[in-house]
Amino acid sequence: MEPLLLNIGFGNTIVADKIVAILSPNSSPMKRVKDEAKEEKRLIDVTHGRKTRAIIIMESNHVILSSIQPETVSQRFESLVKKEEE
């Protein structure tokens, strides 16, 4: 079975089955998560220089920054799962 790829903006995709959480970056704990991931070289920034609007945590403990709203990423994830179920 092929992995489900989720578009997270600018032609970047991630494996949907490996997502642990889709979070808003505005709180202090999320800023710490981002900073720790950067220090440990687990941070992947796909914002193309735009403002970070979503932080995606993966099973591999990688932290992905996206410039797409968390709600939009979640909607894309839900529609992807529904398509796969059909």
N, C-alpha and C. Protein backbone atom coordinates (compact mmCIF):
# COMPACT_ATOMS: atom_id res chain seq x y z
N MET A 1 0.84 -1.19 0.00
CA MET A 1 0.00 0.00 0.00
C MET A 1 0.88 1.25 0.00
N GLU A 2 0.53 2.21 -0.83
CA GLU A 2 1.28 3.46 -0.93
C GLU A 2 1.02 4.34 0.29
N PRO A 3 2.05 5.05 0.74
CA PRO A 3 1.82 5.98 1.87
C PRO A 3 0.98 7.17 1.42
N LEU A 4 0.14 7.66 2.32
CA LEU A 4 -0.67 8.84 2.04
C LEU A 4 0.19 10.07 2.25
N LEU A 5 0.31 10.91 1.23
CA LEU A 5 1.12 12.11 1.32
C LEU A 5 0.23 13.32 1.52
N LEU A 6 0.55 14.10 2.55
CA LEU A 6 -0.22 15.29 2.90
C LEU A 6 0.54 16.53 2.46
N ASN A 7 -0.11 17.39 1.67
CA ASN A 7 0.49 18.64 1.21
C ASN A 7 0.52 19.63 2.36
N ILE A 8 1.72 20.14 2.67
CA ILE A 8 1.85 21.11 3.76
C ILE A 8 2.31 22.47 3.24
N GLY A 9 2.16 22.67 1.95
CA GLY A 9 2.45 23.97 1.35
C GLY A 9 3.70 23.99 0.49
N PHE A 10 3.66 24.80 -0.55
CA PHE A 10 4.78 25.01 -1.48
C PHE A 10 5.29 23.72 -2.10
N GLY A 11 4.37 22.79 -2.36
CA GLY A 11 4.74 21.53 -2.99
C GLY A 11 5.41 20.54 -2.06
N ASN A 12 5.45 20.84 -0.78
CA ASN A 12 6.06 19.93 0.21
C ASN A 12 5.00 18.98 0.74
N THR A 13 5.38 17.73 0.87
CA THR A 13 4.45 16.73 1.39
C THR A 13 5.13 15.92 2.50
N ILE A 14 4.29 15.39 3.39
CA ILE A 14 4.78 14.50 4.45
C ILE A 14 3.88 13.26 4.48
N VAL A 15 4.37 12.19 5.06
CA VAL A 15 3.60 10.96 5.17
C VAL A 15 2.56 11.16 6.27
N ALA A 16 1.30 11.13 5.88
CA ALA A 16 0.20 11.44 6.79
C ALA A 16 0.11 10.47 7.97
N ASP A 17 0.44 9.21 7.74
CA ASP A 17 0.34 8.20 8.79
C ASP A 17 1.35 8.40 9.92
N LYS A 18 2.35 9.23 9.70
CA LYS A 18 3.41 9.43 10.68
C LYS A 18 3.21 10.70 11.52
N ILE A 19 2.10 11.41 11.31
CA ILE A 19 1.83 12.63 12.06
C ILE A 19 1.33 12.29 13.46
N VAL A 20 1.92 12.95 14.46
CA VAL A 20 1.48 12.78 15.84
C VAL A 20 0.56 13.94 16.23
N ALA A 21 0.93 15.18 15.84
CA ALA A 21 0.14 16.34 16.22
C ALA A 21 0.33 17.48 15.22
N ILE A 22 -0.73 18.28 15.07
CA ILE A 22 -0.69 19.51 14.28
C ILE A 22 -1.05 20.63 15.25
N LEU A 23 -0.11 21.53 15.51
CA LEU A 23 -0.26 22.49 16.59
C LEU A 23 -0.09 23.93 16.12
N SER A 24 -0.63 24.85 16.91
CA SER A 24 -0.44 26.28 16.69
C SER A 24 0.87 26.69 17.36
N PRO A 25 1.67 27.55 16.72
CA PRO A 25 2.99 27.89 17.26
C PRO A 25 3.01 29.05 18.24
N ASN A 26 1.87 29.55 18.64
CA ASN A 26 1.82 30.81 19.38
C ASN A 26 2.14 30.73 20.87
N SER A 27 2.11 29.56 21.48
CA SER A 27 2.34 29.47 22.92
C SER A 27 3.82 29.30 23.24
N SER A 28 4.18 29.62 24.46
CA SER A 28 5.57 29.48 24.91
C SER A 28 6.06 28.03 24.85
N PRO A 29 5.24 27.04 25.25
CA PRO A 29 5.71 25.66 25.13
C PRO A 29 6.02 25.26 23.69
N MET A 30 5.24 25.75 22.74
CA MET A 30 5.51 25.41 21.35
C MET A 30 6.79 26.07 20.86
N LYS A 31 7.08 27.26 21.35
CA LYS A 31 8.33 27.93 21.00
C LYS A 31 9.51 27.14 21.56
N ARG A 32 9.35 26.58 22.76
CA ARG A 32 10.42 25.76 23.34
C ARG A 32 10.61 24.47 22.53
N VAL A 33 9.51 23.86 22.12
CA VAL A 33 9.59 22.65 21.28
C VAL A 33 10.37 22.95 20.01
N LYS A 34 10.05 24.08 19.39
CA LYS A 34 10.74 24.49 18.15
C LYS A 34 12.23 24.73 18.41
N ASP A 35 12.55 25.44 19.47
CA ASP A 35 13.95 25.75 19.80
C ASP A 35 14.74 24.48 20.11
N GLU A 36 14.14 23.56 20.88
CA GLU A 36 14.82 22.30 21.21
C GLU A 36 15.07 21.47 19.96
N ALA A 37 14.08 21.42 19.07
CA ALA A 37 14.23 20.66 17.83
C ALA A 37 15.34 21.26 16.97
N LYS A 38 15.43 22.58 16.96
CA LYS A 38 16.49 23.24 16.18
C LYS A 38 17.86 22.90 16.74
N GLU A 39 18.00 22.93 18.05
CA GLU A 39 19.27 22.60 18.69
C GLU A 39 19.68 21.16 18.41
N GLU A 40 18.69 20.26 18.38
CA GLU A 40 18.96 18.83 18.20
C GLU A 40 18.92 18.43 16.72
N LYS A 41 18.82 19.40 15.83
CA LYS A 41 18.80 19.17 14.38
C LYS A 41 17.65 18.25 13.95
N ARG A 42 16.48 18.45 14.57
CA ARG A 42 15.26 17.71 14.22
C ARG A 42 14.23 18.63 13.58
N LEU A 43 14.59 19.88 13.33
CA LEU A 43 13.65 20.88 12.83
C LEU A 43 13.71 20.93 11.31
N ILE A 44 12.53 20.89 10.68
CA ILE A 44 12.41 21.02 9.23
C ILE A 44 11.51 22.22 8.96
N ASP A 45 12.07 23.24 8.33
CA ASP A 45 11.33 24.48 8.07
C ASP A 45 10.93 24.53 6.60
N VAL A 46 9.62 24.44 6.33
CA VAL A 46 9.12 24.50 4.94
C VAL A 46 8.24 25.74 4.74
N THR A 47 8.55 26.80 5.47
CA THR A 47 7.75 28.03 5.39
C THR A 47 8.16 28.93 4.23
N HIS A 48 9.30 28.68 3.63
CA HIS A 48 9.83 29.52 2.54
C HIS A 48 9.93 30.98 2.97
N GLY A 49 10.34 31.21 4.20
CA GLY A 49 10.53 32.57 4.71
C GLY A 49 9.28 33.25 5.21
N ARG A 50 8.16 32.58 5.13
CA ARG A 50 6.91 33.17 5.62
C ARG A 50 6.73 32.86 7.11
N LYS A 51 5.71 33.47 7.68
CA LYS A 51 5.42 33.27 9.10
C LYS A 51 5.01 31.82 9.35
N THR A 52 5.51 31.25 10.46
CA THR A 52 5.12 29.89 10.86
C THR A 52 3.71 29.93 11.43
N ARG A 53 2.82 29.15 10.84
CA ARG A 53 1.44 29.12 11.31
C ARG A 53 1.05 27.77 11.90
N ALA A 54 1.84 26.73 11.58
CA ALA A 54 1.55 25.40 12.13
C ALA A 54 2.86 24.69 12.44
N ILE A 55 2.84 23.95 13.54
CA ILE A 55 3.95 23.08 13.90
C ILE A 55 3.42 21.65 13.84
N ILE A 56 4.11 20.81 13.08
CA ILE A 56 3.68 19.42 12.91
C ILE A 56 4.73 18.53 13.57
N ILE A 57 4.28 17.71 14.50
CA ILE A 57 5.16 16.77 15.20
C ILE A 57 4.99 15.40 14.53
N MET A 58 6.12 14.77 14.20
CA MET A 58 6.09 13.48 13.52
C MET A 58 6.47 12.36 14.49
N GLU A 59 6.15 11.12 14.12
CA GLU A 59 6.50 9.95 14.93
C GLU A 59 8.01 9.87 15.17
N SER A 60 8.79 10.31 14.21
CA SER A 60 10.25 10.24 14.30
C SER A 60 10.81 11.32 15.23
N ASN A 61 9.92 12.12 15.82
CA ASN A 61 10.28 13.22 16.72
C ASN A 61 10.79 14.44 15.96
N HIS A 62 10.65 14.45 14.64
CA HIS A 62 10.98 15.63 13.86
C HIS A 62 9.87 16.65 14.05
N VAL A 63 10.25 17.93 13.98
CA VAL A 63 9.31 19.04 14.11
C VAL A 63 9.33 19.79 12.78
N ILE A 64 8.16 19.91 12.16
CA ILE A 64 8.05 20.55 10.86
C ILE A 64 7.29 21.86 11.01
N LEU A 65 7.85 22.94 10.46
CA LEU A 65 7.20 24.24 10.48
C LEU A 65 6.56 24.48 9.12
N SER A 66 5.29 24.87 9.15
CA SER A 66 4.55 25.16 7.91
C SER A 66 3.93 26.54 7.99
N SER A 67 3.77 27.17 6.84
CA SER A 67 3.14 28.50 6.81
C SER A 67 1.64 28.41 6.56
N ILE A 68 1.10 27.20 6.60
CA ILE A 68 -0.35 26.99 6.44
C ILE A 68 -0.99 26.86 7.81
N GLN A 69 -2.18 27.41 7.97
CA GLN A 69 -2.90 27.36 9.25
C GLN A 69 -3.11 25.90 9.70
N PRO A 70 -3.04 25.64 11.01
CA PRO A 70 -3.26 24.28 11.52
C PRO A 70 -4.62 23.71 11.10
N GLU A 71 -5.64 24.57 11.06
CA GLU A 71 -6.98 24.12 10.67
C GLU A 71 -6.98 23.63 9.22
N THR A 72 -6.26 24.32 8.36
CA THR A 72 -6.18 23.93 6.95
C THR A 72 -5.45 22.60 6.79
N VAL A 73 -4.35 22.44 7.51
CA VAL A 73 -3.60 21.18 7.46
C VAL A 73 -4.49 20.04 7.96
N SER A 74 -5.22 20.28 9.04
CA SER A 74 -6.13 19.26 9.60
C SER A 74 -7.23 18.89 8.60
N GLN A 75 -7.80 19.89 7.94
CA GLN A 75 -8.83 19.63 6.94
C GLN A 75 -8.29 18.80 5.79
N ARG A 76 -7.09 19.13 5.34
CA ARG A 76 -6.46 18.36 4.26
C ARG A 76 -6.23 16.92 4.71
N PHE A 77 -5.81 16.75 5.95
CA PHE A 77 -5.58 15.41 6.50
C PHE A 77 -6.88 14.61 6.53
N GLU A 78 -7.95 15.26 7.03
CA GLU A 78 -9.25 14.58 7.11
C GLU A 78 -9.76 14.17 5.73
N SER A 79 -9.65 15.07 4.75
CA SER A 79 -10.13 14.73 3.41
C SER A 79 -9.28 13.63 2.77
N LEU A 80 -7.99 13.60 3.07
CA LEU A 80 -7.12 12.57 2.58
C LEU A 80 -7.52 11.21 3.15
N VAL A 81 -7.81 11.17 4.44
CA VAL A 81 -8.22 9.92 5.09
C VAL A 81 -9.56 9.45 4.54
N LYS A 82 -10.50 10.38 4.33
CA LYS A 82 -11.80 10.00 3.78
C LYS A 82 -11.67 9.42 2.38
N LYS A 83 -10.82 10.02 1.55
CA LYS A 83 -10.59 9.50 0.19
C LYS A 83 -10.03 8.09 0.24
N GLU A 84 -9.12 7.85 1.17
CA GLU A 84 -8.50 6.54 1.29
C GLU A 84 -9.50 5.49 1.73
N GLU A 85 -10.46 5.88 2.60
CA GLU A 85 -11.46 4.94 3.08
C GLU A 85 -12.45 4.53 2.00
N GLU A 86 -12.64 5.39 1.01
CA GLU A 86 -13.62 5.11 -0.07
C GLU A 86 -13.13 4.13 -1.08
